[in-house]
Amino acid sequence: MGVFENVSTYGAQVDSLYLLVLIVTGVAFFLVEGVLIYFLIRYRHREGHRAMYTHGNRRVEIVWTVIPGFMLFGLAVYQYSAWTQIKIDRPNEAEAVVLSLEAEQFEWYAAYPGSDGELGTDDDIGSPVNVIHVPVNQPVIIRLTARDVLHSFFVPVLRIKQDAIPGTTIPVWFEATQPGEYEIVCAELCGLGHYRMRAFLTVESETEFQAWLAEMAAR
């Protein structure tokens, strides 16, 4: 489902939720527009007919408030498992590839732990600007932040969109299921150069990833 292929382990859940919301809102849209058109025709101006003024109908107002309320509650219950998997039940960092990603007008800066296995130390391995590499079929945790203004880390094929906020580090995780090169864009208007703030995510085998990482460490 969708314009973009899905290469994420939880992408199917996101697509399912998106489709349900689209159906519910689509049905609601056509019902509301249908009622609007009916009233436009039914109560159009006609000679000899006097207008009737009303201050509302409490019973109708309760109905059109309660029904959407139940619909929203149902959607909240339906999406809970996906939200929990994506936002709460993140993989253990000891079992994942961990990297930092900093957004700045109008580029992305990634870094990987060096020989000490820790991020934020002198031996961190820097990646070329706007380039990220990760292994396929392994959980990846990104420590996301911004250096200047609000940005948004958006990878359509992974079904990820997370704001990058200055002064705050937000963990984002995914597990890519197919090798390839995928586009990363900024989905938050961040200045005049917003249109060119893009990077590329390379998903590759573990062997290729380790070889690339060693090459970056030797630079």
N, C-alpha and C. Protein backbone atom coordinates (compact mmCIF):
# COMPACT_ATOMS: atom_id res chain seq x y z
N MET A 1 0.85 -1.19 0.00
CA MET A 1 0.00 0.00 0.00
C MET A 1 0.88 1.24 0.00
N GLY A 2 0.48 2.27 -0.71
CA GLY A 2 1.20 3.53 -0.64
C GLY A 2 2.05 3.78 -1.87
N VAL A 3 2.48 5.03 -2.00
CA VAL A 3 3.32 5.45 -3.12
C VAL A 3 4.73 4.90 -2.97
N PHE A 4 5.24 4.86 -1.72
CA PHE A 4 6.59 4.43 -1.47
C PHE A 4 6.63 2.97 -1.05
N GLU A 5 7.67 2.26 -1.50
CA GLU A 5 7.83 0.89 -1.04
C GLU A 5 8.10 0.88 0.45
N ASN A 6 7.86 -0.26 1.07
CA ASN A 6 8.08 -0.40 2.50
C ASN A 6 9.29 -1.29 2.72
N VAL A 7 10.33 -0.76 3.41
CA VAL A 7 11.52 -1.55 3.71
C VAL A 7 11.78 -1.54 5.21
N SER A 8 10.73 -1.40 6.00
CA SER A 8 10.85 -1.35 7.45
C SER A 8 10.06 -2.49 8.08
N THR A 9 10.56 -3.00 9.20
CA THR A 9 9.87 -4.10 9.88
C THR A 9 8.51 -3.68 10.40
N TYR A 10 8.33 -2.41 10.74
CA TYR A 10 7.02 -1.98 11.25
C TYR A 10 6.23 -1.16 10.22
N GLY A 11 6.71 -1.10 9.00
CA GLY A 11 6.04 -0.32 7.97
C GLY A 11 4.63 -0.78 7.68
N ALA A 12 4.40 -2.10 7.72
CA ALA A 12 3.06 -2.63 7.41
C ALA A 12 2.04 -2.14 8.42
N GLN A 13 2.43 -2.02 9.68
CA GLN A 13 1.51 -1.51 10.70
C GLN A 13 1.17 -0.05 10.45
N VAL A 14 2.17 0.72 10.07
CA VAL A 14 1.93 2.14 9.77
C VAL A 14 0.99 2.27 8.57
N ASP A 15 1.23 1.46 7.54
CA ASP A 15 0.37 1.51 6.35
C ASP A 15 -1.06 1.12 6.68
N SER A 16 -1.21 0.10 7.53
CA SER A 16 -2.55 -0.35 7.91
C SER A 16 -3.30 0.75 8.66
N LEU A 17 -2.60 1.41 9.57
CA LEU A 17 -3.21 2.50 10.31
C LEU A 17 -3.57 3.66 9.39
N TYR A 18 -2.65 3.98 8.48
CA TYR A 18 -2.90 5.07 7.53
C TYR A 18 -4.14 4.77 6.68
N LEU A 19 -4.25 3.53 6.22
CA LEU A 19 -5.39 3.15 5.37
C LEU A 19 -6.69 3.26 6.15
N LEU A 20 -6.69 2.82 7.41
CA LEU A 20 -7.90 2.91 8.22
C LEU A 20 -8.31 4.37 8.42
N VAL A 21 -7.36 5.22 8.76
CA VAL A 21 -7.67 6.64 8.97
C VAL A 21 -8.18 7.26 7.67
N LEU A 22 -7.58 6.87 6.54
CA LEU A 22 -8.02 7.40 5.25
C LEU A 22 -9.46 6.99 4.96
N ILE A 23 -9.82 5.75 5.26
CA ILE A 23 -11.19 5.27 5.02
C ILE A 23 -12.18 6.01 5.92
N VAL A 24 -11.85 6.10 7.21
CA VAL A 24 -12.75 6.76 8.16
C VAL A 24 -12.95 8.22 7.80
N THR A 25 -11.86 8.94 7.54
CA THR A 25 -11.99 10.36 7.20
C THR A 25 -12.63 10.55 5.83
N GLY A 26 -12.38 9.61 4.90
CA GLY A 26 -13.00 9.69 3.59
C GLY A 26 -14.51 9.55 3.66
N VAL A 27 -14.97 8.55 4.43
CA VAL A 27 -16.41 8.35 4.61
C VAL A 27 -17.02 9.57 5.29
N ALA A 28 -16.37 10.08 6.32
CA ALA A 28 -16.88 11.26 7.03
C ALA A 28 -16.96 12.47 6.09
N PHE A 29 -15.93 12.62 5.24
CA PHE A 29 -15.92 13.76 4.30
C PHE A 29 -17.13 13.70 3.36
N PHE A 30 -17.36 12.54 2.75
CA PHE A 30 -18.46 12.44 1.79
C PHE A 30 -19.82 12.55 2.47
N LEU A 31 -19.94 12.06 3.70
CA LEU A 31 -21.20 12.21 4.43
C LEU A 31 -21.48 13.68 4.72
N VAL A 32 -20.47 14.37 5.23
CA VAL A 32 -20.64 15.79 5.56
C VAL A 32 -20.95 16.60 4.30
N GLU A 33 -20.21 16.36 3.23
CA GLU A 33 -20.46 17.10 1.98
C GLU A 33 -21.83 16.77 1.41
N GLY A 34 -22.24 15.51 1.56
CA GLY A 34 -23.57 15.12 1.08
C GLY A 34 -24.67 15.83 1.84
N VAL A 35 -24.54 15.90 3.15
CA VAL A 35 -25.53 16.61 3.97
C VAL A 35 -25.52 18.10 3.62
N LEU A 36 -24.34 18.67 3.42
CA LEU A 36 -24.24 20.08 3.06
C LEU A 36 -24.95 20.37 1.74
N ILE A 37 -24.71 19.53 0.74
CA ILE A 37 -25.35 19.72 -0.56
C ILE A 37 -26.86 19.58 -0.45
N TYR A 38 -27.31 18.58 0.36
CA TYR A 38 -28.75 18.37 0.55
C TYR A 38 -29.40 19.63 1.12
N PHE A 39 -28.77 20.19 2.17
CA PHE A 39 -29.35 21.38 2.80
C PHE A 39 -29.29 22.60 1.89
N LEU A 40 -28.26 22.69 1.07
CA LEU A 40 -28.18 23.80 0.12
C LEU A 40 -29.35 23.76 -0.87
N ILE A 41 -29.69 22.55 -1.27
CA ILE A 41 -30.80 22.40 -2.23
C ILE A 41 -32.16 22.48 -1.52
N ARG A 42 -32.26 21.75 -0.39
CA ARG A 42 -33.54 21.66 0.31
C ARG A 42 -34.00 23.02 0.84
N TYR A 43 -33.06 23.81 1.30
CA TYR A 43 -33.43 25.09 1.92
C TYR A 43 -32.94 26.28 1.11
N ARG A 44 -32.91 26.11 -0.18
CA ARG A 44 -32.54 27.22 -1.05
C ARG A 44 -33.64 28.29 -1.03
N HIS A 45 -33.27 29.46 -1.46
CA HIS A 45 -34.24 30.55 -1.48
C HIS A 45 -35.33 30.28 -2.51
N ARG A 46 -36.58 30.40 -2.04
CA ARG A 46 -37.73 30.24 -2.95
C ARG A 46 -38.77 31.30 -2.62
N GLU A 47 -39.35 31.85 -3.66
CA GLU A 47 -40.36 32.89 -3.46
C GLU A 47 -41.54 32.32 -2.67
N GLY A 48 -42.02 33.09 -1.70
CA GLY A 48 -43.18 32.67 -0.93
C GLY A 48 -42.85 31.85 0.30
N HIS A 49 -41.60 31.47 0.45
CA HIS A 49 -41.18 30.69 1.63
C HIS A 49 -40.45 31.60 2.60
N ARG A 50 -40.87 31.56 3.85
CA ARG A 50 -40.25 32.40 4.86
C ARG A 50 -39.13 31.61 5.55
N ALA A 51 -38.06 32.31 5.87
CA ALA A 51 -36.94 31.67 6.55
C ALA A 51 -37.31 31.33 7.98
N MET A 52 -36.79 30.19 8.45
CA MET A 52 -37.01 29.79 9.83
C MET A 52 -35.68 29.88 10.57
N TYR A 53 -35.67 30.55 11.71
CA TYR A 53 -34.44 30.75 12.47
C TYR A 53 -34.45 29.83 13.69
N THR A 54 -33.30 29.25 13.97
CA THR A 54 -33.18 28.34 15.12
C THR A 54 -31.86 28.59 15.83
N HIS A 55 -31.87 28.35 17.12
CA HIS A 55 -30.66 28.52 17.91
C HIS A 55 -29.90 27.20 18.07
N GLY A 56 -30.34 26.15 17.41
CA GLY A 56 -29.63 24.87 17.48
C GLY A 56 -30.52 23.76 18.02
N ASN A 57 -29.94 22.57 18.03
CA ASN A 57 -30.65 21.39 18.50
C ASN A 57 -29.70 20.59 19.39
N ARG A 58 -29.96 20.60 20.67
CA ARG A 58 -29.03 19.97 21.61
C ARG A 58 -28.86 18.49 21.33
N ARG A 59 -29.93 17.80 20.97
CA ARG A 59 -29.84 16.36 20.71
C ARG A 59 -28.92 16.08 19.52
N VAL A 60 -29.08 16.85 18.46
CA VAL A 60 -28.23 16.66 17.28
C VAL A 60 -26.77 16.99 17.61
N GLU A 61 -26.57 18.04 18.38
CA GLU A 61 -25.21 18.43 18.75
C GLU A 61 -24.52 17.35 19.58
N ILE A 62 -25.27 16.70 20.47
CA ILE A 62 -24.71 15.60 21.26
C ILE A 62 -24.32 14.44 20.35
N VAL A 63 -25.18 14.13 19.39
CA VAL A 63 -24.91 13.01 18.48
C VAL A 63 -23.65 13.27 17.67
N TRP A 64 -23.52 14.47 17.09
CA TRP A 64 -22.35 14.72 16.23
C TRP A 64 -21.08 14.97 17.04
N THR A 65 -21.22 15.04 18.36
CA THR A 65 -20.02 15.11 19.22
C THR A 65 -19.63 13.73 19.71
N VAL A 66 -20.63 12.93 20.13
CA VAL A 66 -20.35 11.61 20.70
C VAL A 66 -19.83 10.64 19.65
N ILE A 67 -20.43 10.62 18.46
CA ILE A 67 -20.00 9.67 17.43
C ILE A 67 -18.54 9.88 17.02
N PRO A 68 -18.10 11.11 16.69
CA PRO A 68 -16.67 11.31 16.39
C PRO A 68 -15.78 10.96 17.59
N GLY A 69 -16.30 11.21 18.80
CA GLY A 69 -15.52 10.86 19.99
C GLY A 69 -15.24 9.37 20.07
N PHE A 70 -16.27 8.56 19.80
CA PHE A 70 -16.08 7.10 19.80
C PHE A 70 -15.15 6.68 18.66
N MET A 71 -15.25 7.34 17.52
CA MET A 71 -14.37 7.01 16.39
C MET A 71 -12.91 7.29 16.74
N LEU A 72 -12.66 8.44 17.37
CA LEU A 72 -11.29 8.78 17.76
C LEU A 72 -10.77 7.82 18.82
N PHE A 73 -11.63 7.43 19.74
CA PHE A 73 -11.22 6.48 20.78
C PHE A 73 -10.87 5.13 20.14
N GLY A 74 -11.67 4.71 19.17
CA GLY A 74 -11.38 3.45 18.46
C GLY A 74 -10.05 3.50 17.74
N LEU A 75 -9.77 4.63 17.08
CA LEU A 75 -8.49 4.79 16.39
C LEU A 75 -7.32 4.77 17.38
N ALA A 76 -7.54 5.40 18.55
CA ALA A 76 -6.48 5.42 19.57
C ALA A 76 -6.16 4.01 20.04
N VAL A 77 -7.20 3.20 20.24
CA VAL A 77 -6.99 1.82 20.67
C VAL A 77 -6.30 1.01 19.58
N TYR A 78 -6.75 1.22 18.34
CA TYR A 78 -6.20 0.46 17.21
C TYR A 78 -4.72 0.76 16.99
N GLN A 79 -4.32 2.00 17.18
CA GLN A 79 -2.93 2.39 16.89
C GLN A 79 -1.98 2.13 18.04
N TYR A 80 -2.50 1.71 19.19
CA TYR A 80 -1.66 1.62 20.38
C TYR A 80 -0.49 0.66 20.21
N SER A 81 -0.73 -0.50 19.59
CA SER A 81 0.36 -1.48 19.44
C SER A 81 1.47 -0.94 18.54
N ALA A 82 1.08 -0.25 17.46
CA ALA A 82 2.09 0.33 16.57
C ALA A 82 2.87 1.43 17.27
N TRP A 83 2.17 2.29 17.99
CA TRP A 83 2.84 3.37 18.72
C TRP A 83 3.81 2.80 19.75
N THR A 84 3.38 1.75 20.45
CA THR A 84 4.23 1.14 21.47
C THR A 84 5.49 0.56 20.84
N GLN A 85 5.34 -0.14 19.71
CA GLN A 85 6.49 -0.75 19.07
C GLN A 85 7.48 0.30 18.57
N ILE A 86 6.97 1.38 18.01
CA ILE A 86 7.83 2.38 17.39
C ILE A 86 8.44 3.34 18.41
N LYS A 87 7.65 3.75 19.40
CA LYS A 87 8.08 4.81 20.30
C LYS A 87 8.55 4.34 21.68
N ILE A 88 8.11 3.18 22.11
CA ILE A 88 8.40 2.76 23.49
C ILE A 88 9.30 1.52 23.54
N ASP A 89 8.92 0.46 22.82
CA ASP A 89 9.67 -0.80 22.89
C ASP A 89 10.84 -0.80 21.91
N ARG A 90 11.75 0.12 22.13
CA ARG A 90 12.93 0.18 21.27
C ARG A 90 13.88 -0.97 21.59
N PRO A 91 14.67 -1.40 20.61
CA PRO A 91 15.66 -2.45 20.87
C PRO A 91 16.70 -1.98 21.88
N ASN A 92 17.32 -2.94 22.54
CA ASN A 92 18.42 -2.63 23.45
C ASN A 92 19.61 -2.11 22.65
N GLU A 93 20.24 -1.04 23.12
CA GLU A 93 21.37 -0.47 22.38
C GLU A 93 22.51 -1.46 22.22
N ALA A 94 22.63 -2.39 23.16
CA ALA A 94 23.71 -3.38 23.08
C ALA A 94 23.51 -4.33 21.91
N GLU A 95 22.28 -4.41 21.41
CA GLU A 95 21.95 -5.32 20.31
C GLU A 95 21.68 -4.58 19.01
N ALA A 96 21.99 -3.29 18.97
CA ALA A 96 21.67 -2.48 17.80
C ALA A 96 22.89 -1.68 17.34
N VAL A 97 22.81 -1.21 16.10
CA VAL A 97 23.79 -0.25 15.59
C VAL A 97 23.33 1.13 16.04
N VAL A 98 24.20 1.83 16.76
CA VAL A 98 23.85 3.13 17.32
C VAL A 98 24.68 4.22 16.65
N LEU A 99 24.02 5.31 16.27
CA LEU A 99 24.74 6.44 15.69
C LEU A 99 24.04 7.74 16.09
N SER A 100 24.75 8.82 15.99
CA SER A 100 24.15 10.12 16.24
C SER A 100 23.90 10.81 14.90
N LEU A 101 22.86 11.62 14.85
CA LEU A 101 22.55 12.38 13.64
C LEU A 101 22.15 13.78 14.05
N GLU A 102 22.90 14.76 13.54
CA GLU A 102 22.63 16.16 13.86
C GLU A 102 22.19 16.89 12.59
N ALA A 103 21.10 17.62 12.72
CA ALA A 103 20.59 18.41 11.61
C ALA A 103 21.03 19.85 11.78
N GLU A 104 21.41 20.46 10.67
CA GLU A 104 21.80 21.87 10.67
C GLU A 104 21.52 22.44 9.29
N GLN A 105 21.06 23.68 9.23
CA GLN A 105 20.79 24.28 7.93
C GLN A 105 22.03 24.15 7.03
N PHE A 106 21.95 23.44 5.97
CA PHE A 106 20.88 22.60 5.46
C PHE A 106 21.47 21.23 5.15
N GLU A 107 22.02 20.61 6.19
CA GLU A 107 22.75 19.35 6.03
C GLU A 107 22.51 18.44 7.22
N TRP A 108 22.91 17.16 7.02
CA TRP A 108 22.81 16.14 8.06
C TRP A 108 24.21 15.63 8.38
N TYR A 109 24.53 15.52 9.67
CA TYR A 109 25.84 15.06 10.10
C TYR A 109 25.69 13.80 10.97
N ALA A 110 26.25 12.70 10.49
CA ALA A 110 26.16 11.43 11.22
C ALA A 110 27.51 11.06 11.81
N ALA A 111 27.49 10.37 12.95
CA ALA A 111 28.71 9.90 13.60
C ALA A 111 28.43 8.55 14.24
N TYR A 112 29.45 7.69 14.23
CA TYR A 112 29.35 6.34 14.79
C TYR A 112 30.35 6.18 15.93
N PRO A 113 30.08 5.30 16.89
CA PRO A 113 31.04 5.09 17.98
C PRO A 113 32.37 4.55 17.45
N GLY A 114 33.47 5.01 18.07
CA GLY A 114 34.80 4.53 17.71
C GLY A 114 35.15 3.27 18.48
N SER A 115 36.42 3.08 18.71
CA SER A 115 36.89 1.85 19.36
C SER A 115 36.40 1.69 20.79
N ASP A 116 36.06 2.82 21.46
CA ASP A 116 35.58 2.71 22.84
C ASP A 116 34.10 2.34 22.92
N GLY A 117 33.43 2.31 21.76
CA GLY A 117 32.03 1.92 21.73
C GLY A 117 31.06 2.97 22.25
N GLU A 118 31.55 4.19 22.47
CA GLU A 118 30.71 5.25 23.00
C GLU A 118 30.61 6.41 22.01
N LEU A 119 29.44 7.02 21.97
CA LEU A 119 29.25 8.21 21.16
C LEU A 119 29.60 9.45 21.98
N GLY A 120 30.03 10.50 21.28
CA GLY A 120 30.34 11.74 21.96
C GLY A 120 31.73 11.80 22.53
N THR A 121 32.61 10.93 22.06
CA THR A 121 34.01 10.94 22.53
C THR A 121 34.93 11.27 21.35
N ASP A 122 36.22 11.43 21.65
CA ASP A 122 37.18 11.89 20.64
C ASP A 122 37.36 10.92 19.49
N ASP A 123 37.07 9.64 19.71
CA ASP A 123 37.34 8.68 18.63
C ASP A 123 36.09 8.34 17.81
N ASP A 124 35.06 9.17 17.93
CA ASP A 124 33.86 8.94 17.09
C ASP A 124 34.26 8.93 15.62
N ILE A 125 33.53 8.12 14.86
CA ILE A 125 33.79 8.01 13.42
C ILE A 125 32.79 8.88 12.67
N GLY A 126 33.27 9.93 12.06
CA GLY A 126 32.40 10.82 11.31
C GLY A 126 32.10 10.30 9.92
N SER A 127 30.89 10.52 9.48
CA SER A 127 30.49 10.15 8.13
C SER A 127 30.51 11.38 7.24
N PRO A 128 30.74 11.23 5.95
CA PRO A 128 30.63 12.40 5.06
C PRO A 128 29.27 13.06 5.22
N VAL A 129 29.24 14.36 5.00
CA VAL A 129 27.98 15.10 5.14
C VAL A 129 26.90 14.49 4.26
N ASN A 130 25.70 14.33 4.84
CA ASN A 130 24.52 13.83 4.12
C ASN A 130 24.66 12.38 3.68
N VAL A 131 25.47 11.61 4.39
CA VAL A 131 25.66 10.19 4.07
C VAL A 131 25.49 9.37 5.35
N ILE A 132 24.64 8.35 5.28
CA ILE A 132 24.45 7.43 6.40
C ILE A 132 24.48 6.01 5.85
N HIS A 133 25.21 5.13 6.52
CA HIS A 133 25.24 3.72 6.16
C HIS A 133 24.76 2.90 7.35
N VAL A 134 23.95 1.87 7.07
CA VAL A 134 23.51 0.94 8.11
C VAL A 134 23.44 -0.46 7.52
N PRO A 135 23.55 -1.48 8.37
CA PRO A 135 23.44 -2.86 7.87
C PRO A 135 21.98 -3.27 7.73
N VAL A 136 21.72 -4.16 6.80
CA VAL A 136 20.37 -4.66 6.58
C VAL A 136 20.01 -5.68 7.65
N ASN A 137 18.72 -5.76 7.96
CA ASN A 137 18.18 -6.75 8.91
C ASN A 137 18.80 -6.66 10.29
N GLN A 138 19.17 -5.47 10.69
CA GLN A 138 19.66 -5.23 12.05
C GLN A 138 19.01 -3.97 12.59
N PRO A 139 18.61 -3.99 13.88
CA PRO A 139 18.03 -2.77 14.45
C PRO A 139 19.05 -1.64 14.50
N VAL A 140 18.59 -0.44 14.19
CA VAL A 140 19.43 0.76 14.18
C VAL A 140 18.77 1.80 15.07
N ILE A 141 19.55 2.37 15.97
CA ILE A 141 19.06 3.44 16.84
C ILE A 141 19.81 4.72 16.51
N ILE A 142 19.05 5.75 16.16
CA ILE A 142 19.63 7.06 15.84
C ILE A 142 19.33 8.02 16.99
N ARG A 143 20.38 8.64 17.51
CA ARG A 143 20.20 9.70 18.50
C ARG A 143 20.10 11.02 17.73
N LEU A 144 18.89 11.51 17.62
CA LEU A 144 18.59 12.63 16.72
C LEU A 144 18.52 13.95 17.47
N THR A 145 19.16 14.97 16.92
CA THR A 145 19.08 16.31 17.48
C THR A 145 19.32 17.34 16.37
N ALA A 146 19.24 18.61 16.73
CA ALA A 146 19.48 19.69 15.76
C ALA A 146 20.40 20.72 16.40
N ARG A 147 21.18 21.37 15.56
CA ARG A 147 22.15 22.36 16.04
C ARG A 147 21.60 23.78 16.06
N ASP A 148 20.57 24.04 15.25
CA ASP A 148 20.14 25.44 15.10
C ASP A 148 18.64 25.63 15.27
N VAL A 149 17.86 25.15 14.29
CA VAL A 149 16.41 25.34 14.30
C VAL A 149 15.72 23.98 14.21
N LEU A 150 14.42 24.01 14.24
CA LEU A 150 13.67 22.76 14.10
C LEU A 150 13.86 22.16 12.70
N HIS A 151 14.13 20.87 12.65
CA HIS A 151 14.17 20.11 11.42
C HIS A 151 13.30 18.87 11.61
N SER A 152 13.15 18.07 10.58
CA SER A 152 12.38 16.84 10.72
C SER A 152 13.00 15.74 9.86
N PHE A 153 13.37 14.66 10.51
CA PHE A 153 14.01 13.52 9.87
C PHE A 153 12.91 12.64 9.26
N PHE A 154 12.89 12.58 7.92
CA PHE A 154 11.81 11.88 7.22
C PHE A 154 12.39 10.92 6.20
N VAL A 155 12.09 9.64 6.39
CA VAL A 155 12.51 8.60 5.44
C VAL A 155 11.25 7.84 5.03
N PRO A 156 10.63 8.21 3.91
CA PRO A 156 9.35 7.62 3.53
C PRO A 156 9.34 6.09 3.48
N VAL A 157 10.39 5.47 2.92
CA VAL A 157 10.37 4.02 2.77
C VAL A 157 10.48 3.30 4.11
N LEU A 158 10.95 3.99 5.14
CA LEU A 158 11.03 3.40 6.48
C LEU A 158 9.83 3.77 7.35
N ARG A 159 8.95 4.62 6.81
CA ARG A 159 7.79 5.10 7.55
C ARG A 159 8.21 5.81 8.83
N ILE A 160 9.26 6.62 8.73
CA ILE A 160 9.78 7.38 9.86
C ILE A 160 9.65 8.87 9.58
N LYS A 161 9.14 9.59 10.57
CA LYS A 161 9.16 11.06 10.53
C LYS A 161 9.26 11.53 11.97
N GLN A 162 10.39 12.14 12.31
CA GLN A 162 10.62 12.58 13.67
C GLN A 162 11.27 13.95 13.67
N ASP A 163 10.70 14.88 14.42
CA ASP A 163 11.29 16.22 14.52
C ASP A 163 12.65 16.15 15.21
N ALA A 164 13.58 16.97 14.74
CA ALA A 164 14.88 17.15 15.37
C ALA A 164 14.85 18.51 16.06
N ILE A 165 15.06 18.52 17.37
CA ILE A 165 14.86 19.71 18.18
C ILE A 165 16.18 20.14 18.82
N PRO A 166 16.56 21.39 18.67
CA PRO A 166 17.80 21.87 19.30
C PRO A 166 17.77 21.67 20.82
N GLY A 167 18.87 21.18 21.35
CA GLY A 167 18.96 20.98 22.80
C GLY A 167 18.32 19.72 23.31
N THR A 168 17.72 18.92 22.42
CA THR A 168 17.05 17.69 22.83
C THR A 168 17.52 16.54 21.94
N THR A 169 17.84 15.41 22.55
CA THR A 169 18.22 14.23 21.79
C THR A 169 17.08 13.23 21.84
N ILE A 170 16.58 12.85 20.69
CA ILE A 170 15.43 11.95 20.59
C ILE A 170 15.87 10.65 19.93
N PRO A 171 15.66 9.51 20.59
CA PRO A 171 16.02 8.23 19.96
C PRO A 171 15.00 7.81 18.91
N VAL A 172 15.49 7.42 17.76
CA VAL A 172 14.65 6.93 16.66
C VAL A 172 15.21 5.58 16.24
N TRP A 173 14.34 4.59 16.08
CA TRP A 173 14.88 3.29 15.69
C TRP A 173 14.13 2.72 14.47
N PHE A 174 14.82 1.86 13.74
CA PHE A 174 14.22 1.15 12.61
C PHE A 174 15.06 -0.08 12.31
N GLU A 175 14.49 -0.95 11.51
CA GLU A 175 15.23 -2.10 10.99
C GLU A 175 14.90 -2.24 9.52
N ALA A 176 15.86 -1.93 8.68
CA ALA A 176 15.64 -1.98 7.23
C ALA A 176 15.71 -3.43 6.75
N THR A 177 14.82 -3.79 5.85
CA THR A 177 14.71 -5.18 5.41
C THR A 177 15.24 -5.42 4.00
N GLN A 178 15.58 -4.34 3.29
CA GLN A 178 16.07 -4.51 1.92
C GLN A 178 17.27 -3.60 1.67
N PRO A 179 18.34 -4.13 1.08
CA PRO A 179 19.49 -3.28 0.72
C PRO A 179 19.08 -2.25 -0.33
N GLY A 180 19.77 -1.13 -0.34
CA GLY A 180 19.49 -0.10 -1.34
C GLY A 180 19.90 1.25 -0.83
N GLU A 181 19.70 2.26 -1.67
CA GLU A 181 19.98 3.65 -1.29
C GLU A 181 18.66 4.40 -1.25
N TYR A 182 18.36 5.03 -0.11
CA TYR A 182 17.08 5.67 0.10
C TYR A 182 17.26 7.14 0.52
N GLU A 183 16.31 7.95 0.10
CA GLU A 183 16.41 9.38 0.34
C GLU A 183 15.93 9.76 1.74
N ILE A 184 16.67 10.66 2.36
CA ILE A 184 16.28 11.28 3.62
C ILE A 184 16.01 12.75 3.32
N VAL A 185 14.88 13.26 3.78
CA VAL A 185 14.57 14.67 3.56
C VAL A 185 14.21 15.33 4.87
N CYS A 186 14.26 16.65 4.88
CA CYS A 186 13.80 17.42 6.02
C CYS A 186 12.34 17.79 5.75
N ALA A 187 11.46 17.43 6.68
CA ALA A 187 10.03 17.67 6.49
C ALA A 187 9.53 18.84 7.32
N GLU A 188 10.44 19.68 7.78
CA GLU A 188 10.08 20.87 8.55
C GLU A 188 10.70 22.08 7.87
N LEU A 189 9.88 23.06 7.53
CA LEU A 189 10.40 24.26 6.88
C LEU A 189 11.44 24.91 7.79
N CYS A 190 12.69 24.95 7.33
CA CYS A 190 13.79 25.34 8.20
C CYS A 190 14.62 26.50 7.65
N GLY A 191 14.14 27.16 6.62
CA GLY A 191 14.88 28.28 6.06
C GLY A 191 14.83 28.28 4.54
N LEU A 192 15.53 29.24 3.95
CA LEU A 192 15.48 29.39 2.49
C LEU A 192 16.05 28.18 1.76
N GLY A 193 16.98 27.47 2.37
CA GLY A 193 17.58 26.30 1.72
C GLY A 193 16.92 25.00 2.07
N HIS A 194 15.71 25.06 2.64
CA HIS A 194 15.00 23.85 3.06
C HIS A 194 14.88 22.82 1.94
N TYR A 195 14.62 23.29 0.74
CA TYR A 195 14.39 22.40 -0.40
C TYR A 195 15.58 21.51 -0.71
N ARG A 196 16.79 21.92 -0.34
CA ARG A 196 17.97 21.12 -0.68
C ARG A 196 18.54 20.36 0.52
N MET A 197 17.77 20.32 1.62
CA MET A 197 18.26 19.59 2.79
C MET A 197 17.86 18.13 2.66
N ARG A 198 18.73 17.37 2.02
CA ARG A 198 18.46 15.95 1.79
C ARG A 198 19.74 15.16 1.97
N ALA A 199 19.58 13.91 2.34
CA ALA A 199 20.72 13.01 2.52
C ALA A 199 20.33 11.65 1.95
N PHE A 200 21.29 10.72 2.01
CA PHE A 200 21.01 9.38 1.47
C PHE A 200 21.42 8.32 2.48
N LEU A 201 20.52 7.38 2.65
CA LEU A 201 20.73 6.25 3.55
C LEU A 201 21.07 5.02 2.72
N THR A 202 22.23 4.46 2.95
CA THR A 202 22.64 3.24 2.26
C THR A 202 22.46 2.05 3.19
N VAL A 203 21.62 1.12 2.77
CA VAL A 203 21.41 -0.11 3.52
C VAL A 203 22.17 -1.22 2.80
N GLU A 204 23.04 -1.90 3.51
CA GLU A 204 23.93 -2.88 2.88
C GLU A 204 24.17 -4.06 3.82
N SER A 205 24.88 -5.03 3.33
CA SER A 205 25.19 -6.20 4.14
C SER A 205 26.09 -5.82 5.31
N GLU A 206 26.14 -6.68 6.33
CA GLU A 206 27.01 -6.42 7.47
C GLU A 206 28.47 -6.30 7.06
N THR A 207 28.89 -7.15 6.14
CA THR A 207 30.27 -7.11 5.67
C THR A 207 30.59 -5.79 4.99
N GLU A 208 29.69 -5.34 4.13
CA GLU A 208 29.90 -4.06 3.43
C GLU A 208 29.86 -2.90 4.42
N PHE A 209 28.98 -2.97 5.39
CA PHE A 209 28.89 -1.90 6.38
C PHE A 209 30.16 -1.80 7.20
N GLN A 210 30.68 -2.92 7.66
CA GLN A 210 31.90 -2.91 8.47
C GLN A 210 33.10 -2.42 7.65
N ALA A 211 33.14 -2.79 6.37
CA ALA A 211 34.23 -2.31 5.50
C ALA A 211 34.15 -0.80 5.32
N TRP A 212 32.93 -0.28 5.12
CA TRP A 212 32.76 1.17 4.98
C TRP A 212 33.14 1.88 6.27
N LEU A 213 32.72 1.33 7.41
CA LEU A 213 33.02 1.94 8.70
C LEU A 213 34.53 1.98 8.95
N ALA A 214 35.23 0.89 8.58
CA ALA A 214 36.69 0.85 8.74
C ALA A 214 37.35 1.90 7.85
N GLU A 215 36.81 2.08 6.64
CA GLU A 215 37.35 3.09 5.72
C GLU A 215 37.16 4.49 6.29
N MET A 216 36.01 4.76 6.90
CA MET A 216 35.77 6.07 7.49
C MET A 216 36.68 6.29 8.70
N ALA A 217 36.91 5.24 9.49
CA ALA A 217 37.76 5.37 10.67
C ALA A 217 39.21 5.65 10.31
N ALA A 218 39.62 5.18 9.12
CA ALA A 218 41.01 5.34 8.69
C ALA A 218 41.27 6.69 8.04
N ARG A 219 40.24 7.46 7.82
CA ARG A 219 40.41 8.75 7.13
C ARG A 219 41.15 9.76 8.01
